[in-house]
Amino acid sequence: MAVSFYLDNRPNKNGDHPIRVSISINGNRYVTSTGFSVNTEKWNDGKVKNGSTNAKGETAKTINARLKEIDSFFSREETLLKLGDVQEIDIKSLYAQMYILIKKYPTFQFKSGSSSNLVQSNSS
C-alpha cells in the first residue's frame, strides 16, 4: 500500500497550497485533497514543518496528526483486506465517510477494526 501526501502546484486564495493525498490499495488508486493547505516553505518530506502554521492558523501538530491518522486508517484497512476480514475496499467511499466525520467532529478518532466501525472514540 502507498499513502503519500504532496502539495498541489496551484496555491489557494491565501497563498497556501492544498495538501493532496494519494492512496493506493490492491491496485486501486484514489487522489484527493486532505482539506488542509500550507505554504510550500513550511512543507518538507510529506509533512508540515514543526512549529509552522498555515494561513487559517492550523498548526503543524494538528495537520500532521490528521495526515498520520489518514495513513494509519488506510494501513489498517489494507491489513484487514489481506487477512480476509474485508472482501474489498472502496477507497473513495471510505475516504468520504472519514472526511465527513472529521469535519463534523474535529476531535474524531477512529477505532481499530473494519471499515464498518467508523465510530467516534470516547477517549478524547
PDB file of N, CA and C in Angstrom:
ATOM      1  N   MET A   1       0.838  -1.170   0.000  1.00  0.00           N
ATOM      2  CA  MET A   1       0.000   0.000   0.000  1.00  0.00           C
ATOM      3  C   MET A   1       0.882   1.231   0.000  1.00  0.00           C
ATOM      4  N   ALA A   2       0.353   2.251  -0.565  1.00  0.00           N
ATOM      5  CA  ALA A   2       1.068   3.516  -0.547  1.00  0.00           C
ATOM      6  C   ALA A   2       0.096   4.642  -0.234  1.00  0.00           C
ATOM      7  N   VAL A   3       0.384   5.362   0.798  1.00  0.00           N
ATOM      8  CA  VAL A   3      -0.321   6.611   1.095  1.00  0.00           C
ATOM      9  C   VAL A   3       0.752   7.677   1.036  1.00  0.00           C
ATOM     10  N   SER A   4       0.567   8.637   0.163  1.00  0.00           N
ATOM     11  CA  SER A   4       1.556   9.711   0.080  1.00  0.00           C
ATOM     12  C   SER A   4       0.846  11.051   0.047  1.00  0.00           C
ATOM     13  N   PHE A   5       1.497  12.015   0.647  1.00  0.00           N
ATOM     14  CA  PHE A   5       0.972  13.374   0.731  1.00  0.00           C
ATOM     15  C   PHE A   5       1.902  14.297  -0.046  1.00  0.00           C
ATOM     16  N   TYR A   6       1.315  15.231  -0.754  1.00  0.00           N
ATOM     17  CA  TYR A   6       2.108  16.188  -1.527  1.00  0.00           C
ATOM     18  C   TYR A   6       1.304  17.468  -1.692  1.00  0.00           C
ATOM     19  N   LEU A   7       1.981  18.537  -2.075  1.00  0.00           N
ATOM     20  CA  LEU A   7       1.309  19.823  -2.266  1.00  0.00           C
ATOM     21  C   LEU A   7       0.857  19.982  -3.705  1.00  0.00           C
ATOM     22  N   ASP A   8      -0.336  20.515  -3.863  1.00  0.00           N
ATOM     23  CA  ASP A   8      -0.844  20.874  -5.185  1.00  0.00           C
ATOM     24  C   ASP A   8       0.030  22.009  -5.719  1.00  0.00           C
ATOM     25  N   ASN A   9       0.248  22.037  -7.013  1.00  0.00           N
ATOM     26  CA  ASN A   9       1.082  23.091  -7.620  1.00  0.00           C
ATOM     27  C   ASN A   9       0.432  24.463  -7.576  1.00  0.00           C
ATOM     28  N   ARG A  10      -0.901  24.487  -7.510  1.00  0.00           N
ATOM     29  CA  ARG A  10      -1.618  25.766  -7.551  1.00  0.00           C
ATOM     30  C   ARG A  10      -1.974  26.244  -6.146  1.00  0.00           C
ATOM     31  N   PRO A  11      -1.571  27.469  -5.784  1.00  0.00           N
ATOM     32  CA  PRO A  11      -1.924  27.992  -4.459  1.00  0.00           C
ATOM     33  C   PRO A  11      -3.399  28.385  -4.396  1.00  0.00           C
ATOM     34  N   ASN A  12      -3.943  28.377  -3.174  1.00  0.00           N
ATOM     35  CA  ASN A  12      -5.310  28.856  -2.983  1.00  0.00           C
ATOM     36  C   ASN A  12      -5.291  30.374  -2.811  1.00  0.00           C
ATOM     37  N   LYS A  13      -6.435  30.963  -2.495  1.00  0.00           N
ATOM     38  CA  LYS A  13      -6.526  32.432  -2.402  1.00  0.00           C
ATOM     39  C   LYS A  13      -5.679  33.014  -1.272  1.00  0.00           C
ATOM     40  N   ASN A  14      -5.316  32.180  -0.279  1.00  0.00           N
ATOM     41  CA  ASN A  14      -4.479  32.633   0.829  1.00  0.00           C
ATOM     42  C   ASN A  14      -2.985  32.462   0.547  1.00  0.00           C
ATOM     43  N   GLY A  15      -2.662  31.879  -0.605  1.00  0.00           N
ATOM     44  CA  GLY A  15      -1.265  31.650  -0.964  1.00  0.00           C
ATOM     45  C   GLY A  15      -0.728  30.305  -0.511  1.00  0.00           C
ATOM     46  N   ASP A  16      -1.538  29.560   0.265  1.00  0.00           N
ATOM     47  CA  ASP A  16      -1.140  28.209   0.667  1.00  0.00           C
ATOM     48  C   ASP A  16      -1.473  27.236  -0.458  1.00  0.00           C
ATOM     49  N   HIS A  17      -0.807  26.113  -0.439  1.00  0.00           N
ATOM     50  CA  HIS A  17      -1.043  25.064  -1.434  1.00  0.00           C
ATOM     51  C   HIS A  17      -1.807  23.920  -0.773  1.00  0.00           C
ATOM     52  N   PRO A  18      -2.906  23.470  -1.374  1.00  0.00           N
ATOM     53  CA  PRO A  18      -3.658  22.350  -0.801  1.00  0.00           C
ATOM     54  C   PRO A  18      -2.775  21.106  -0.664  1.00  0.00           C
ATOM     55  N   ILE A  19      -2.941  20.409   0.459  1.00  0.00           N
ATOM     56  CA  ILE A  19      -2.237  19.151   0.673  1.00  0.00           C
ATOM     57  C   ILE A  19      -3.092  18.045   0.074  1.00  0.00           C
ATOM     58  N   ARG A  20      -2.525  17.313  -0.859  1.00  0.00           N
ATOM     59  CA  ARG A  20      -3.225  16.228  -1.545  1.00  0.00           C
ATOM     60  C   ARG A  20      -2.771  14.896  -0.972  1.00  0.00           C
ATOM     61  N   VAL A  21      -3.621  13.899  -1.093  1.00  0.00           N
ATOM     62  CA  VAL A  21      -3.272  12.548  -0.664  1.00  0.00           C
ATOM     63  C   VAL A  21      -3.526  11.584  -1.821  1.00  0.00           C
ATOM     64  N   SER A  22      -2.596  10.676  -2.007  1.00  0.00           N
ATOM     65  CA  SER A  22      -2.741   9.605  -2.980  1.00  0.00           C
ATOM     66  C   SER A  22      -2.734   8.292  -2.197  1.00  0.00           C
ATOM     67  N   ILE A  23      -3.824   7.523  -2.339  1.00  0.00           N
ATOM     68  CA  ILE A  23      -3.968   6.256  -1.620  1.00  0.00           C
ATOM     69  C   ILE A  23      -4.059   5.138  -2.643  1.00  0.00           C
ATOM     70  N   SER A  24      -3.173   4.156  -2.525  1.00  0.00           N
ATOM     71  CA  SER A  24      -3.184   3.003  -3.428  1.00  0.00           C
ATOM     72  C   SER A  24      -3.273   1.726  -2.604  1.00  0.00           C
ATOM     73  N   ILE A  25      -4.316   0.944  -2.871  1.00  0.00           N
ATOM     74  CA  ILE A  25      -4.507  -0.329  -2.183  1.00  0.00           C
ATOM     75  C   ILE A  25      -4.934  -1.370  -3.203  1.00  0.00           C
ATOM     76  N   ASN A  26      -4.190  -2.455  -3.241  1.00  0.00           N
ATOM     77  CA  ASN A  26      -4.575  -3.599  -4.072  1.00  0.00           C
ATOM     78  C   ASN A  26      -4.830  -3.207  -5.535  1.00  0.00           C
ATOM     79  N   GLY A  27      -4.002  -2.331  -6.058  1.00  0.00           N
ATOM     80  CA  GLY A  27      -4.120  -1.934  -7.455  1.00  0.00           C
ATOM     81  C   GLY A  27      -5.101  -0.803  -7.721  1.00  0.00           C
ATOM     82  N   ASN A  28      -5.827  -0.371  -6.693  1.00  0.00           N
ATOM     83  CA  ASN A  28      -6.767   0.747  -6.850  1.00  0.00           C
ATOM     84  C   ASN A  28      -6.137   2.000  -6.270  1.00  0.00           C
ATOM     85  N   ARG A  29      -6.373   3.131  -6.945  1.00  0.00           N
ATOM     86  CA  ARG A  29      -5.751   4.386  -6.520  1.00  0.00           C
ATOM     87  C   ARG A  29      -6.809   5.472  -6.441  1.00  0.00           C
ATOM     88  N   TYR A  30      -6.689   6.309  -5.406  1.00  0.00           N
ATOM     89  CA  TYR A  30      -7.582   7.443  -5.236  1.00  0.00           C
ATOM     90  C   TYR A  30      -6.747   8.643  -4.822  1.00  0.00           C
ATOM     91  N   VAL A  31      -6.955   9.772  -5.479  1.00  0.00           N
ATOM     92  CA  VAL A  31      -6.234  11.007  -5.183  1.00  0.00           C
ATOM     93  C   VAL A  31      -7.253  12.095  -4.883  1.00  0.00           C
ATOM     94  N   THR A  32      -7.037  12.812  -3.778  1.00  0.00           N
ATOM     95  CA  THR A  32      -7.963  13.872  -3.390  1.00  0.00           C
ATOM     96  C   THR A  32      -7.260  14.865  -2.473  1.00  0.00           C
ATOM     97  N   SER A  33      -7.974  15.885  -2.076  1.00  0.00           N
ATOM     98  CA  SER A  33      -7.450  16.876  -1.142  1.00  0.00           C
ATOM     99  C   SER A  33      -7.701  16.407   0.291  1.00  0.00           C
ATOM    100  N   THR A  34      -6.810  16.783   1.189  1.00  0.00           N
ATOM    101  CA  THR A  34      -6.990  16.442   2.602  1.00  0.00           C
ATOM    102  C   THR A  34      -7.857  17.471   3.327  1.00  0.00           C
ATOM    103  N   GLY A  35      -8.094  18.611   2.693  1.00  0.00           N
ATOM    104  CA  GLY A  35      -8.824  19.683   3.359  1.00  0.00           C
ATOM    105  C   GLY A  35      -7.891  20.669   4.048  1.00  0.00           C
ATOM    106  N   PHE A  36      -6.612  20.379   4.049  1.00  0.00           N
ATOM    107  CA  PHE A  36      -5.614  21.269   4.647  1.00  0.00           C
ATOM    108  C   PHE A  36      -4.770  21.888   3.543  1.00  0.00           C
ATOM    109  N   SER A  37      -4.158  23.022   3.860  1.00  0.00           N
ATOM    110  CA  SER A  37      -3.232  23.656   2.932  1.00  0.00           C
ATOM    111  C   SER A  37      -2.113  24.297   3.745  1.00  0.00           C
ATOM    112  N   VAL A  38      -0.979  24.530   3.059  1.00  0.00           N
ATOM    113  CA  VAL A  38       0.177  25.107   3.735  1.00  0.00           C
ATOM    114  C   VAL A  38       1.081  25.761   2.689  1.00  0.00           C
ATOM    115  N   ASN A  39       1.868  26.709   3.122  1.00  0.00           N
ATOM    116  CA  ASN A  39       2.843  27.364   2.257  1.00  0.00           C
ATOM    117  C   ASN A  39       3.953  26.373   1.914  1.00  0.00           C
ATOM    118  N   THR A  40       4.453  26.434   0.704  1.00  0.00           N
ATOM    119  CA  THR A  40       5.485  25.495   0.262  1.00  0.00           C
ATOM    120  C   THR A  40       6.737  25.541   1.137  1.00  0.00           C
ATOM    121  N   GLU A  41       7.043  26.696   1.692  1.00  0.00           N
ATOM    122  CA  GLU A  41       8.228  26.826   2.542  1.00  0.00           C
ATOM    123  C   GLU A  41       8.064  26.105   3.878  1.00  0.00           C
ATOM    124  N   LYS A  42       6.829  25.759   4.227  1.00  0.00           N
ATOM    125  CA  LYS A  42       6.550  25.086   5.502  1.00  0.00           C
ATOM    126  C   LYS A  42       6.304  23.590   5.320  1.00  0.00           C
ATOM    127  N   TRP A  43       6.585  23.071   4.137  1.00  0.00           N
ATOM    128  CA  TRP A  43       6.335  21.672   3.796  1.00  0.00           C
ATOM    129  C   TRP A  43       7.650  20.960   3.563  1.00  0.00           C
ATOM    130  N   ASN A  44       7.804  19.773   4.139  1.00  0.00           N
ATOM    131  CA  ASN A  44       9.030  19.002   3.938  1.00  0.00           C
ATOM    132  C   ASN A  44       8.738  17.512   4.049  1.00  0.00           C
ATOM    133  N   ASP A  45       9.075  16.786   3.012  1.00  0.00           N
ATOM    134  CA  ASP A  45       9.022  15.321   3.031  1.00  0.00           C
ATOM    135  C   ASP A  45       7.674  14.757   3.491  1.00  0.00           C
ATOM    136  N   GLY A  46       6.593  15.281   2.934  1.00  0.00           N
ATOM    137  CA  GLY A  46       5.272  14.736   3.213  1.00  0.00           C
ATOM    138  C   GLY A  46       4.613  15.192   4.488  1.00  0.00           C
ATOM    139  N   LYS A  47       5.163  16.220   5.122  1.00  0.00           N
ATOM    140  CA  LYS A  47       4.514  16.748   6.318  1.00  0.00           C
ATOM    141  C   LYS A  47       4.862  18.222   6.504  1.00  0.00           C
ATOM    142  N   VAL A  48       4.110  18.863   7.403  1.00  0.00           N
ATOM    143  CA  VAL A  48       4.320  20.274   7.703  1.00  0.00           C
ATOM    144  C   VAL A  48       5.466  20.388   8.708  1.00  0.00           C
ATOM    145  N   LYS A  49       6.353  21.332   8.462  1.00  0.00           N
ATOM    146  CA  LYS A  49       7.494  21.536   9.353  1.00  0.00           C
ATOM    147  C   LYS A  49       7.002  21.917  10.748  1.00  0.00           C
ATOM    148  N   ASN A  50       7.623  21.332  11.774  1.00  0.00           N
ATOM    149  CA  ASN A  50       7.266  21.615  13.167  1.00  0.00           C
ATOM    150  C   ASN A  50       7.317  23.108  13.456  1.00  0.00           C
ATOM    151  N   GLY A  51       6.359  23.573  14.230  1.00  0.00           N
ATOM    152  CA  GLY A  51       6.295  24.976  14.614  1.00  0.00           C
ATOM    153  C   GLY A  51       5.608  25.866  13.592  1.00  0.00           C
ATOM    154  N   SER A  52       5.194  25.310  12.469  1.00  0.00           N
ATOM    155  CA  SER A  52       4.570  26.097  11.408  1.00  0.00           C
ATOM    156  C   SER A  52       3.049  26.155  11.585  1.00  0.00           C
ATOM    157  N   THR A  53       2.466  27.168  10.975  1.00  0.00           N
ATOM    158  CA  THR A  53       1.013  27.279  10.874  1.00  0.00           C
ATOM    159  C   THR A  53       0.679  27.658   9.442  1.00  0.00           C
ATOM    160  N   ASN A  54      -0.558  27.408   9.055  1.00  0.00           N
ATOM    161  CA  ASN A  54      -0.981  27.825   7.721  1.00  0.00           C
ATOM    162  C   ASN A  54      -1.770  29.125   7.821  1.00  0.00           C
ATOM    163  N   ALA A  55      -2.285  29.609   6.704  1.00  0.00           N
ATOM    164  CA  ALA A  55      -2.996  30.885   6.664  1.00  0.00           C
ATOM    165  C   ALA A  55      -4.265  30.875   7.520  1.00  0.00           C
ATOM    166  N   LYS A  56      -4.837  29.695   7.755  1.00  0.00           N
ATOM    167  CA  LYS A  56      -6.039  29.574   8.596  1.00  0.00           C
ATOM    168  C   LYS A  56      -5.690  29.482  10.078  1.00  0.00           C
ATOM    169  N   GLY A  57      -4.398  29.416  10.399  1.00  0.00           N
ATOM    170  CA  GLY A  57      -3.963  29.300  11.788  1.00  0.00           C
ATOM    171  C   GLY A  57      -3.889  27.865  12.294  1.00  0.00           C
ATOM    172  N   GLU A  58      -4.051  26.900  11.405  1.00  0.00           N
ATOM    173  CA  GLU A  58      -3.948  25.494  11.796  1.00  0.00           C
ATOM    174  C   GLU A  58      -2.475  25.162  11.996  1.00  0.00           C
ATOM    175  N   THR A  59      -2.159  24.496  13.095  1.00  0.00           N
ATOM    176  CA  THR A  59      -0.766  24.227  13.430  1.00  0.00           C
ATOM    177  C   THR A  59      -0.244  22.967  12.749  1.00  0.00           C
ATOM    178  N   ALA A  60       1.080  22.897  12.652  1.00  0.00           N
ATOM    179  CA  ALA A  60       1.728  21.706  12.093  1.00  0.00           C
ATOM    180  C   ALA A  60       1.323  20.475  12.890  1.00  0.00           C
ATOM    181  N   LYS A  61       1.225  20.606  14.203  1.00  0.00           N
ATOM    182  CA  LYS A  61       0.853  19.476  15.054  1.00  0.00           C
ATOM    183  C   LYS A  61      -0.525  18.942  14.674  1.00  0.00           C
ATOM    184  N   THR A  62      -1.478  19.828  14.471  1.00  0.00           N
ATOM    185  CA  THR A  62      -2.844  19.429  14.108  1.00  0.00           C
ATOM    186  C   THR A  62      -2.880  18.787  12.729  1.00  0.00           C
ATOM    187  N   ILE A  63      -2.250  19.443  11.767  1.00  0.00           N
ATOM    188  CA  ILE A  63      -2.271  18.938  10.388  1.00  0.00           C
ATOM    189  C   ILE A  63      -1.539  17.598  10.293  1.00  0.00           C
ATOM    190  N   ASN A  64      -0.342  17.523  10.861  1.00  0.00           N
ATOM    191  CA  ASN A  64       0.440  16.290  10.779  1.00  0.00           C
ATOM    192  C   ASN A  64      -0.248  15.129  11.495  1.00  0.00           C
ATOM    193  N   ALA A  65      -0.940  15.423  12.590  1.00  0.00           N
ATOM    194  CA  ALA A  65      -1.676  14.366  13.302  1.00  0.00           C
ATOM    195  C   ALA A  65      -2.783  13.806  12.413  1.00  0.00           C
ATOM    196  N   ARG A  66      -3.468  14.685  11.686  1.00  0.00           N
ATOM    197  CA  ARG A  66      -4.553  14.225  10.808  1.00  0.00           C
ATOM    198  C   ARG A  66      -3.988  13.442   9.626  1.00  0.00           C
ATOM    199  N   LEU A  67      -2.867  13.888   9.082  1.00  0.00           N
ATOM    200  CA  LEU A  67      -2.244  13.152   7.979  1.00  0.00           C
ATOM    201  C   LEU A  67      -1.814  11.762   8.443  1.00  0.00           C
ATOM    202  N   LYS A  68      -1.261  11.688   9.646  1.00  0.00           N
ATOM    203  CA  LYS A  68      -0.849  10.397  10.195  1.00  0.00           C
ATOM    204  C   LYS A  68      -2.071   9.497  10.396  1.00  0.00           C
ATOM    205  N   GLU A  69      -3.164  10.082  10.843  1.00  0.00           N
ATOM    206  CA  GLU A  69      -4.382   9.302  11.051  1.00  0.00           C
ATOM    207  C   GLU A  69      -4.925   8.744   9.729  1.00  0.00           C
ATOM    208  N   ILE A  70      -4.877   9.542   8.683  1.00  0.00           N
ATOM    209  CA  ILE A  70      -5.307   9.071   7.355  1.00  0.00           C
ATOM    210  C   ILE A  70      -4.440   7.895   6.929  1.00  0.00           C
ATOM    211  N   ASP A  71      -3.132   8.042   7.084  1.00  0.00           N
ATOM    212  CA  ASP A  71      -2.202   6.976   6.724  1.00  0.00           C
ATOM    213  C   ASP A  71      -2.482   5.707   7.532  1.00  0.00           C
ATOM    214  N   SER A  72      -2.640   5.855   8.830  1.00  0.00           N
ATOM    215  CA  SER A  72      -2.890   4.702   9.705  1.00  0.00           C
ATOM    216  C   SER A  72      -4.217   4.032   9.385  1.00  0.00           C
ATOM    217  N   PHE A  73      -5.238   4.828   9.135  1.00  0.00           N
ATOM    218  CA  PHE A  73      -6.563   4.286   8.836  1.00  0.00           C
ATOM    219  C   PHE A  73      -6.515   3.378   7.612  1.00  0.00           C
ATOM    220  N   PHE A  74      -5.905   3.857   6.541  1.00  0.00           N
ATOM    221  CA  PHE A  74      -5.867   3.060   5.321  1.00  0.00           C
ATOM    222  C   PHE A  74      -4.876   1.899   5.419  1.00  0.00           C
ATOM    223  N   SER A  75      -3.865   2.006   6.260  1.00  0.00           N
ATOM    224  CA  SER A  75      -2.977   0.875   6.514  1.00  0.00           C
ATOM    225  C   SER A  75      -3.752  -0.242   7.213  1.00  0.00           C
ATOM    226  N   ARG A  76      -4.585   0.129   8.190  1.00  0.00           N
ATOM    227  CA  ARG A  76      -5.422  -0.873   8.873  1.00  0.00           C
ATOM    228  C   ARG A  76      -6.382  -1.532   7.899  1.00  0.00           C
ATOM    229  N   GLU A  77      -6.990  -0.719   7.039  1.00  0.00           N
ATOM    230  CA  GLU A  77      -7.941  -1.272   6.069  1.00  0.00           C
ATOM    231  C   GLU A  77      -7.255  -2.262   5.132  1.00  0.00           C
ATOM    232  N   GLU A  78      -6.042  -1.934   4.710  1.00  0.00           N
ATOM    233  CA  GLU A  78      -5.321  -2.853   3.828  1.00  0.00           C
ATOM    234  C   GLU A  78      -4.983  -4.151   4.556  1.00  0.00           C
ATOM    235  N   THR A  79      -4.603  -4.051   5.821  1.00  0.00           N
ATOM    236  CA  THR A  79      -4.318  -5.244   6.614  1.00  0.00           C
ATOM    237  C   THR A  79      -5.560  -6.126   6.719  1.00  0.00           C
ATOM    238  N   LEU A  80      -6.711  -5.516   6.972  1.00  0.00           N
ATOM    239  CA  LEU A  80      -7.963  -6.275   7.055  1.00  0.00           C
ATOM    240  C   LEU A  80      -8.275  -6.964   5.730  1.00  0.00           C
ATOM    241  N   LEU A  81      -7.972  -6.299   4.645  1.00  0.00           N
ATOM    242  CA  LEU A  81      -8.182  -6.893   3.323  1.00  0.00           C
ATOM    243  C   LEU A  81      -7.273  -8.111   3.146  1.00  0.00           C
ATOM    244  N   LYS A  82      -6.022  -7.972   3.513  1.00  0.00           N
ATOM    245  CA  LYS A  82      -5.067  -9.078   3.375  1.00  0.00           C
ATOM    246  C   LYS A  82      -5.441 -10.266   4.256  1.00  0.00           C
ATOM    247  N   LEU A  83      -6.006  -9.977   5.437  1.00  0.00           N
ATOM    248  CA  LEU A  83      -6.405 -11.041   6.353  1.00  0.00           C
ATOM    249  C   LEU A  83      -7.730 -11.690   5.957  1.00  0.00           C
ATOM    250  N   GLY A  84      -8.421 -11.069   5.017  1.00  0.00           N
ATOM    251  CA  GLY A  84      -9.708 -11.608   4.588  1.00  0.00           C
ATOM    252  C   GLY A  84     -10.883 -11.120   5.415  1.00  0.00           C
ATOM    253  N   ASP A  85     -10.639 -10.216   6.378  1.00  0.00           N
ATOM    254  CA  ASP A  85     -11.730  -9.670   7.192  1.00  0.00           C
ATOM    255  C   ASP A  85     -12.593  -8.712   6.392  1.00  0.00           C
ATOM    256  N   VAL A  86     -12.035  -8.152   5.342  1.00  0.00           N
ATOM    257  CA  VAL A  86     -12.743  -7.258   4.429  1.00  0.00           C
ATOM    258  C   VAL A  86     -12.545  -7.837   3.032  1.00  0.00           C
ATOM    259  N   GLN A  87     -13.614  -7.920   2.249  1.00  0.00           N
ATOM    260  CA  GLN A  87     -13.522  -8.533   0.931  1.00  0.00           C
ATOM    261  C   GLN A  87     -12.998  -7.572  -0.131  1.00  0.00           C
ATOM    262  N   GLU A  88     -13.387  -6.319  -0.035  1.00  0.00           N
ATOM    263  CA  GLU A  88     -12.882  -5.306  -0.961  1.00  0.00           C
ATOM    264  C   GLU A  88     -12.949  -3.954  -0.292  1.00  0.00           C
ATOM    265  N   ILE A  89     -12.181  -3.028  -0.811  1.00  0.00           N
ATOM    266  CA  ILE A  89     -12.125  -1.685  -0.242  1.00  0.00           C
ATOM    267  C   ILE A  89     -12.463  -0.673  -1.322  1.00  0.00           C
ATOM    268  N   ASP A  90     -13.452   0.147  -1.032  1.00  0.00           N
ATOM    269  CA  ASP A  90     -13.795   1.270  -1.906  1.00  0.00           C
ATOM    270  C   ASP A  90     -13.132   2.499  -1.290  1.00  0.00           C
ATOM    271  N   ILE A  91     -11.930   2.799  -1.737  1.00  0.00           N
ATOM    272  CA  ILE A  91     -11.126   3.866  -1.144  1.00  0.00           C
ATOM    273  C   ILE A  91     -11.873   5.192  -1.141  1.00  0.00           C
ATOM    274  N   LYS A  92     -12.510   5.520  -2.250  1.00  0.00           N
ATOM    275  CA  LYS A  92     -13.207   6.801  -2.369  1.00  0.00           C
ATOM    276  C   LYS A  92     -14.330   6.917  -1.335  1.00  0.00           C
ATOM    277  N   SER A  93     -15.132   5.887  -1.193  1.00  0.00           N
ATOM    278  CA  SER A  93     -16.243   5.920  -0.228  1.00  0.00           C
ATOM    279  C   SER A  93     -15.737   5.989   1.208  1.00  0.00           C
ATOM    280  N   LEU A  94     -14.711   5.198   1.500  1.00  0.00           N
ATOM    281  CA  LEU A  94     -14.149   5.229   2.854  1.00  0.00           C
ATOM    282  C   LEU A  94     -13.582   6.604   3.182  1.00  0.00           C
ATOM    283  N   TYR A  95     -12.870   7.182   2.235  1.00  0.00           N
ATOM    284  CA  TYR A  95     -12.290   8.500   2.475  1.00  0.00           C
ATOM    285  C   TYR A  95     -13.394   9.536   2.673  1.00  0.00           C
ATOM    286  N   ALA A  96     -14.448   9.452   1.877  1.00  0.00           N
ATOM    287  CA  ALA A  96     -15.563  10.398   2.000  1.00  0.00           C
ATOM    288  C   ALA A  96     -16.213  10.291   3.375  1.00  0.00           C
ATOM    289  N   GLN A  97     -16.444   9.068   3.845  1.00  0.00           N
ATOM    290  CA  GLN A  97     -17.031   8.873   5.174  1.00  0.00           C
ATOM    291  C   GLN A  97     -16.116   9.449   6.251  1.00  0.00           C
ATOM    292  N   MET A  98     -14.830   9.158   6.137  1.00  0.00           N
ATOM    293  CA  MET A  98     -13.864   9.641   7.097  1.00  0.00           C
ATOM    294  C   MET A  98     -13.819  11.168   7.098  1.00  0.00           C
ATOM    295  N   TYR A  99     -13.802  11.762   5.915  1.00  0.00           N
ATOM    296  CA  TYR A  99     -13.713  13.218   5.774  1.00  0.00           C
ATOM    297  C   TYR A  99     -14.927  13.903   6.407  1.00  0.00           C
ATOM    298  N   ILE A 100     -16.115  13.364   6.164  1.00  0.00           N
ATOM    299  CA  ILE A 100     -17.336  13.937   6.730  1.00  0.00           C
ATOM    300  C   ILE A 100     -17.291  13.899   8.254  1.00  0.00           C
ATOM    301  N   LEU A 101     -16.879  12.773   8.798  1.00  0.00           N
ATOM    302  CA  LEU A 101     -16.796  12.647  10.253  1.00  0.00           C
ATOM    303  C   LEU A 101     -15.763  13.594  10.846  1.00  0.00           C
ATOM    304  N   ILE A 102     -14.629  13.730  10.179  1.00  0.00           N
ATOM    305  CA  ILE A 102     -13.582  14.629  10.660  1.00  0.00           C
ATOM    306  C   ILE A 102     -14.063  16.079  10.661  1.00  0.00           C
ATOM    307  N   LYS A 103     -14.768  16.480   9.606  1.00  0.00           N
ATOM    308  CA  LYS A 103     -15.263  17.861   9.530  1.00  0.00           C
ATOM    309  C   LYS A 103     -16.341  18.119  10.580  1.00  0.00           C
ATOM    310  N   LYS A 104     -17.191  17.138  10.809  1.00  0.00           N
ATOM    311  CA  LYS A 104     -18.284  17.303  11.778  1.00  0.00           C
ATOM    312  C   LYS A 104     -17.765  17.242  13.211  1.00  0.00           C
ATOM    313  N   TYR A 105     -16.793  16.359  13.446  1.00  0.00           N
ATOM    314  CA  TYR A 105     -16.230  16.161  14.781  1.00  0.00           C
ATOM    315  C   TYR A 105     -14.709  16.319  14.707  1.00  0.00           C
ATOM    316  N   PRO A 106     -14.185  17.537  14.883  1.00  0.00           N
ATOM    317  CA  PRO A 106     -12.748  17.776  14.718  1.00  0.00           C
ATOM    318  C   PRO A 106     -11.842  16.911  15.596  1.00  0.00           C
ATOM    319  N   THR A 107     -12.334  16.432  16.733  1.00  0.00           N
ATOM    320  CA  THR A 107     -11.510  15.593  17.606  1.00  0.00           C
ATOM    321  C   THR A 107     -11.761  14.109  17.360  1.00  0.00           C
ATOM    322  N   PHE A 108     -12.409  13.807  16.256  1.00  0.00           N
ATOM    323  CA  PHE A 108     -12.756  12.430  15.910  1.00  0.00           C
ATOM    324  C   PHE A 108     -11.523  11.544  15.817  1.00  0.00           C
ATOM    325  N   GLN A 109     -11.620  10.351  16.404  1.00  0.00           N
ATOM    326  CA  GLN A 109     -10.549   9.358  16.291  1.00  0.00           C
ATOM    327  C   GLN A 109     -11.185   8.043  15.886  1.00  0.00           C
ATOM    328  N   PHE A 110     -10.526   7.302  15.028  1.00  0.00           N
ATOM    329  CA  PHE A 110     -11.054   6.042  14.537  1.00  0.00           C
ATOM    330  C   PHE A 110     -10.630   4.891  15.418  1.00  0.00           C
ATOM    331  N   LYS A 111     -11.572   3.993  15.677  1.00  0.00           N
ATOM    332  CA  LYS A 111     -11.250   2.765  16.396  1.00  0.00           C
ATOM    333  C   LYS A 111     -10.661   1.777  15.406  1.00  0.00           C
ATOM    334  N   SER A 112      -9.820   0.899  15.896  1.00  0.00           N
ATOM    335  CA  SER A 112      -9.289  -0.159  15.051  1.00  0.00           C
ATOM    336  C   SER A 112     -10.418  -1.108  14.692  1.00  0.00           C
ATOM    337  N   GLY A 113     -10.284  -1.727  13.549  1.00  0.00           N
ATOM    338  CA  GLY A 113     -11.299  -2.681  13.125  1.00  0.00           C
ATOM    339  C   GLY A 113     -11.698  -2.430  11.702  1.00  0.00           C
ATOM    340  N   SER A 114     -12.789  -3.027  11.303  1.00  0.00           N
ATOM    341  CA  SER A 114     -13.204  -2.925   9.909  1.00  0.00           C
ATOM    342  C   SER A 114     -13.768  -1.564   9.594  1.00  0.00           C
ATOM    343  N   SER A 115     -13.877  -1.292   8.319  1.00  0.00           N
ATOM    344  CA  SER A 115     -14.384  -0.002   7.868  1.00  0.00           C
ATOM    345  C   SER A 115     -15.820   0.214   8.303  1.00  0.00           C
ATOM    346  N   SER A 116     -16.528  -0.843   8.679  1.00  0.00           N
ATOM    347  CA  SER A 116     -17.896  -0.671   9.158  1.00  0.00           C
ATOM    348  C   SER A 116     -17.914  -0.095  10.562  1.00  0.00           C
ATOM    349  N   ASN A 117     -16.740  -0.018  11.206  1.00  0.00           N
ATOM    350  CA  ASN A 117     -16.644   0.521  12.552  1.00  0.00           C
ATOM    351  C   ASN A 117     -16.203   1.979  12.553  1.00  0.00           C
ATOM    352  N   LEU A 118     -16.737   2.774  11.649  1.00  0.00           N
ATOM    353  CA  LEU A 118     -16.393   4.193  11.624  1.00  0.00           C
ATOM    354  C   LEU A 118     -17.191   4.880  12.720  1.00  0.00           C
ATOM    355  N   VAL A 119     -16.691   4.749  13.954  1.00  0.00           N
ATOM    356  CA  VAL A 119     -17.374   5.319  15.118  1.00  0.00           C
ATOM    357  C   VAL A 119     -16.399   6.154  15.905  1.00  0.00           C
ATOM    358  N   GLN A 120     -16.952   7.128  16.621  1.00  0.00           N
ATOM    359  CA  GLN A 120     -16.102   8.036  17.365  1.00  0.00           C
ATOM    360  C   GLN A 120     -15.604   7.388  18.647  1.00  0.00           C
ATOM    361  N   SER A 121     -14.338   7.569  18.915  1.00  0.00           N
ATOM    362  CA  SER A 121     -13.732   7.084  20.142  1.00  0.00           C
ATOM    363  C   SER A 121     -14.134   7.994  21.281  1.00  0.00           C
ATOM    364  N   ASN A 122     -14.378   7.432  22.446  1.00  0.00           N
ATOM    365  CA  ASN A 122     -14.737   8.227  23.622  1.00  0.00           C
ATOM    366  C   ASN A 122     -13.529   8.592  24.449  1.00  0.00           C
ATOM    367  N   SER A 123     -12.347   8.365  23.923  1.00  0.00           N
ATOM    368  CA  SER A 123     -11.125   8.603  24.700  1.00  0.00           C
ATOM    369  C   SER A 123     -10.679  10.053  24.674  1.00  0.00           C
ATOM    370  N   SER A 124     -11.423  10.961  24.014  1.00  0.00           N
ATOM    371  CA  SER A 124     -10.967  12.348  23.957  1.00  0.00           C
ATOM    372  C   SER A 124     -11.451  13.173  25.100  1.00  0.00           C
TER     373      SER A 124
END
